[in-house]
C-alpha atoms as a PDB file:
ATOM      1  CA  UNK A   1      67.464  46.853   0.215  1.00  0.00           C
ATOM      2  CA  UNK A   2      67.182  44.601  -2.269  1.00  0.00           C
ATOM      3  CA  UNK A   3      63.939  45.008  -3.991  1.00  0.00           C
ATOM      4  CA  UNK A   4      62.033  41.824  -4.763  1.00  0.00           C
ATOM      5  CA  UNK A   5      59.494  42.837  -7.653  1.00  0.00           C
ATOM      6  CA  UNK A   6      60.594  46.644  -7.011  1.00  0.00           C
ATOM      7  CA  UNK A   7      58.444  46.613  -4.166  1.00  0.00           C
ATOM      8  CA  UNK A   8      60.533  47.390  -0.606  1.00  0.00           C
ATOM      9  CA  UNK A   9      57.758  45.183   1.186  1.00  0.00           C
ATOM     10  CA  UNK A  10      58.410  41.942  -0.171  1.00  0.00           C
ATOM     11  CA  UNK A  11      62.030  42.864   0.638  1.00  0.00           C
ATOM     12  CA  UNK A  12      61.151  43.487   4.151  1.00  0.00           C
ATOM     13  CA  UNK A  13      58.996  40.377   4.439  1.00  0.00           C
ATOM     14  CA  UNK A  14      61.191  37.950   3.027  1.00  0.00           C
ATOM     15  CA  UNK A  15      64.059  39.596   5.596  1.00  0.00           C
ATOM     16  CA  UNK A  16      61.529  39.379   8.273  1.00  0.00           C
ATOM     17  CA  UNK A  17      61.084  35.675   7.738  1.00  0.00           C
ATOM     18  CA  UNK A  18      64.747  34.692   6.737  1.00  0.00           C
ATOM     19  CA  UNK A  19      66.309  36.237   9.589  1.00  0.00           C
ATOM     20  CA  UNK A  20      63.954  34.804  12.471  1.00  0.00           C
ATOM     21  CA  UNK A  21      61.804  32.050  11.284  1.00  0.00           C
ATOM     22  CA  UNK A  22      64.742  30.206   9.490  1.00  0.00           C
ATOM     23  CA  UNK A  23      63.713  27.153  12.256  1.00  0.00           C
ATOM     24  CA  UNK A  24      60.534  26.221  12.964  1.00  0.00           C
ATOM     25  CA  UNK A  25      60.811  26.470  16.629  1.00  0.00           C
ATOM     26  CA  UNK A  26      62.557  30.078  16.257  1.00  0.00           C
ATOM     27  CA  UNK A  27      59.028  32.305  16.990  1.00  0.00           C
ATOM     28  CA  UNK A  28      58.021  35.618  14.945  1.00  0.00           C
ATOM     29  CA  UNK A  29      59.271  38.728  16.844  1.00  0.00           C
ATOM     30  CA  UNK A  30      56.577  40.473  18.531  1.00  0.00           C
ATOM     31  CA  UNK A  31      56.440  44.021  18.064  1.00  0.00           C
ATOM     32  CA  UNK A  32      55.316  46.277  20.887  1.00  0.00           C
ATOM     33  CA  UNK A  33      55.250  49.849  20.044  1.00  0.00           C
ATOM     34  CA  UNK A  34      53.568  50.897  23.280  1.00  0.00           C
ATOM     35  CA  UNK A  35      53.079  48.389  26.592  1.00  0.00           C
ATOM     36  CA  UNK A  36      49.261  48.526  24.939  1.00  0.00           C
ATOM     37  CA  UNK A  37      50.032  47.662  22.009  1.00  0.00           C
ATOM     38  CA  UNK A  38      51.224  44.114  20.615  1.00  0.00           C
ATOM     39  CA  UNK A  39      51.239  42.722  16.881  1.00  0.00           C
ATOM     40  CA  UNK A  40      53.395  39.763  14.873  1.00  0.00           C
ATOM     41  CA  UNK A  41      56.302  41.208  12.811  1.00  0.00           C
ATOM     42  CA  UNK A  42      54.595  39.796   9.848  1.00  0.00           C
ATOM     43  CA  UNK A  43      51.050  41.476  10.491  1.00  0.00           C
ATOM     44  CA  UNK A  44      52.978  45.217  10.418  1.00  0.00           C
ATOM     45  CA  UNK A  45      52.319  47.236   7.252  1.00  0.00           C
ATOM     46  CA  UNK A  46      54.923  47.459   4.533  1.00  0.00           C
ATOM     47  CA  UNK A  47      55.760  51.299   5.645  1.00  0.00           C
ATOM     48  CA  UNK A  48      55.701  50.052   9.148  1.00  0.00           C
ATOM     49  CA  UNK A  49      58.051  47.556   8.364  1.00  0.00           C
ATOM     50  CA  UNK A  50      60.199  50.179   6.586  1.00  0.00           C
ATOM     51  CA  UNK A  51      60.027  52.057   9.690  1.00  0.00           C
ATOM     52  CA  UNK A  52      61.308  49.481  11.683  1.00  0.00           C
ATOM     53  CA  UNK A  53      64.467  48.746   9.942  1.00  0.00           C
ATOM     54  CA  UNK A  54      65.113  52.503   9.499  1.00  0.00           C
ATOM     55  CA  UNK A  55      65.319  52.873  12.987  1.00  0.00           C
ATOM     56  CA  UNK A  56      67.034  49.466  13.843  1.00  0.00           C
ATOM     57  CA  UNK A  57      70.001  50.902  11.638  1.00  0.00           C
ATOM     58  CA  UNK A  58      69.841  54.114  13.549  1.00  0.00           C
ATOM     59  CA  UNK A  59      70.284  52.840  16.594  1.00  0.00           C
ATOM     60  CA  UNK A  60      73.181  50.697  15.472  1.00  0.00           C
ATOM     61  CA  UNK A  61      74.662  53.512  14.912  1.00  0.00           C
ATOM     62  CA  UNK A  62      75.184  55.045  18.307  1.00  0.00           C
ATOM     63  CA  UNK A  63      78.525  53.939  19.978  1.00  0.00           C
ATOM     64  CA  UNK A  64      78.333  50.763  22.442  1.00  0.00           C
ATOM     65  CA  UNK A  65      80.734  49.858  24.430  1.00  0.00           C
ATOM     66  CA  UNK A  66      81.460  47.515  27.494  1.00  0.00           C
ATOM     67  CA  UNK A  67      80.925  49.209  31.093  1.00  0.00           C
ATOM     68  CA  UNK A  68      84.110  49.387  33.148  1.00  0.00           C
ATOM     69  CA  UNK A  69      83.954  51.140  36.254  1.00  0.00           C
ATOM     70  CA  UNK A  70      87.873  51.368  36.673  1.00  0.00           C
ATOM     71  CA  UNK A  71      88.286  52.936  33.596  1.00  0.00           C
ATOM     72  CA  UNK A  72      86.706  56.819  35.193  1.00  0.00           C
ATOM     73  CA  UNK A  73      88.243  57.234  38.927  1.00  0.00           C
ATOM     74  CA  UNK A  74      84.873  59.857  39.469  1.00  0.00           C
ATOM     75  CA  UNK A  75      82.486  59.366  42.793  1.00  0.00           C
ATOM     76  CA  UNK A  76      79.667  59.881  40.220  1.00  0.00           C
ATOM     77  CA  UNK A  77      79.888  56.896  38.003  1.00  0.00           C
ATOM     78  CA  UNK A  78      76.927  55.874  36.964  1.00  0.00           C
ATOM     79  CA  UNK A  79      76.318  52.752  38.643  1.00  0.00           C
ATOM     80  CA  UNK A  80      72.609  51.734  37.460  1.00  0.00           C
ATOM     81  CA  UNK A  81      70.455  51.337  34.038  1.00  0.00           C
ATOM     82  CA  UNK A  82      67.597  53.726  34.527  1.00  0.00           C
ATOM     83  CA  UNK A  83      65.847  51.611  32.659  1.00  0.00           C
ATOM     84  CA  UNK A  84      65.671  48.316  34.394  1.00  0.00           C
ATOM     85  CA  UNK A  85      66.493  49.349  37.718  1.00  0.00           C
ATOM     86  CA  UNK A  86      69.417  46.949  37.678  1.00  0.00           C
ATOM     87  CA  UNK A  87      73.033  47.979  38.614  1.00  0.00           C
ATOM     88  CA  UNK A  88      75.652  47.268  36.123  1.00  0.00           C
ATOM     89  CA  UNK A  89      78.300  45.105  36.330  1.00  0.00           C
ATOM     90  CA  UNK A  90      81.773  44.737  35.152  1.00  0.00           C
ATOM     91  CA  UNK A  91      81.981  43.827  31.150  1.00  0.00           C
ATOM     92  CA  UNK A  92      77.658  44.567  30.328  1.00  0.00           C
ATOM     93  CA  UNK A  93      77.610  45.615  26.882  1.00  0.00           C
ATOM     94  CA  UNK A  94      76.285  49.143  27.531  1.00  0.00           C
ATOM     95  CA  UNK A  95      74.852  52.258  24.782  1.00  0.00           C
ATOM     96  CA  UNK A  96      76.391  55.953  24.835  1.00  0.00           C
ATOM     97  CA  UNK A  97      73.828  58.364  23.786  1.00  0.00           C
ATOM     98  CA  UNK A  98      74.722  61.459  22.313  1.00  0.00           C
ATOM     99  CA  UNK A  99      73.576  63.074  25.494  1.00  0.00           C
ATOM    100  CA  UNK A 100      76.448  60.913  27.771  1.00  0.00           C
ATOM    101  CA  UNK A 101      73.849  59.248  29.186  1.00  0.00           C
ATOM    102  CA  UNK A 102      74.568  55.029  29.231  1.00  0.00           C
ATOM    103  CA  UNK A 103      72.648  51.968  29.260  1.00  0.00           C
ATOM    104  CA  UNK A 104      72.766  48.402  29.077  1.00  0.00           C
ATOM    105  CA  UNK A 105      72.440  47.318  25.107  1.00  0.00           C
ATOM    106  CA  UNK A 106      69.138  45.262  25.100  1.00  0.00           C
ATOM    107  CA  UNK A 107      67.752  47.974  27.873  1.00  0.00           C
ATOM    108  CA  UNK A 108      68.356  51.702  25.148  1.00  0.00           C
ATOM    109  CA  UNK A 109      67.923  49.097  21.922  1.00  0.00           C
ATOM    110  CA  UNK A 110      64.356  48.329  23.370  1.00  0.00           C
ATOM    111  CA  UNK A 111      63.555  51.726  24.327  1.00  0.00           C
ATOM    112  CA  UNK A 112      64.364  53.275  21.079  1.00  0.00           C
ATOM    113  CA  UNK A 113      62.539  51.404  19.206  1.00  0.00           C
ATOM    114  CA  UNK A 114      59.542  53.065  20.808  1.00  0.00           C
ATOM    115  CA  UNK A 115      60.748  56.580  21.507  1.00  0.00           C
ATOM    116  CA  UNK A 116      64.073  57.651  20.438  1.00  0.00           C
ATOM    117  CA  UNK A 117      64.438  59.864  23.198  1.00  0.00           C
ATOM    118  CA  UNK A 118      66.914  59.614  26.129  1.00  0.00           C
ATOM    119  CA  UNK A 119      64.878  57.962  29.010  1.00  0.00           C
ATOM    120  CA  UNK A 120      66.812  60.158  31.582  1.00  0.00           C
ATOM    121  CA  UNK A 121      66.903  63.666  30.059  1.00  0.00           C
ATOM    122  CA  UNK A 122      64.864  63.216  27.270  1.00  0.00           C
ATOM    123  CA  UNK A 123      67.011  64.725  24.708  1.00  0.00           C
ATOM    124  CA  UNK A 124      66.154  63.697  21.217  1.00  0.00           C
ATOM    125  CA  UNK A 125      68.752  61.089  20.248  1.00  0.00           C
ATOM    126  CA  UNK A 126      69.107  62.545  16.853  1.00  0.00           C
ATOM    127  CA  UNK A 127      65.809  64.078  15.112  1.00  0.00           C
ATOM    128  CA  UNK A 128      67.408  65.246  12.282  1.00  0.00           C
ATOM    129  CA  UNK A 129      68.875  62.026  11.727  1.00  0.00           C
ATOM    130  CA  UNK A 130      65.850  60.159  12.371  1.00  0.00           C
ATOM    131  CA  UNK A 131      63.737  62.356  10.226  1.00  0.00           C
ATOM    132  CA  UNK A 132      65.737  62.225   6.881  1.00  0.00           C
ATOM    133  CA  UNK A 133      64.971  58.799   6.832  1.00  0.00           C
ATOM    134  CA  UNK A 134      61.874  58.482   7.315  1.00  0.00           C
ATOM    135  CA  UNK A 135      61.495  61.536   4.769  1.00  0.00           C
ATOM    136  CA  UNK A 136      63.977  59.179   1.888  1.00  0.00           C
END
């Protein structure tokens, strides 16, 4: 993070403004920490912005791929994303969790922004790594 004036909050505010508001037509992103709570990204505290940036960084380190049911001849092949309840289609972008469950990339990324546990087995995705980022 490049510090502006020595404060990471200014850098994050600049980042959100530059990335998400580069055109008048693009709305400010909305953050949904819980279904009942909705706030614009510009209304978040500096600490919340830092936590979100760290969580996004952690999520991006999880492996991703493309759904290909032909690669594994197993009858028990997962065919449905349990988050959106839609069948996987050949070529869908997917993300793998350490517990080996798979989900649509967008579905699990959104889920992990709220909860860093697997929605199927409730295993922590990587609590040790997450806590090391949150304490630094």
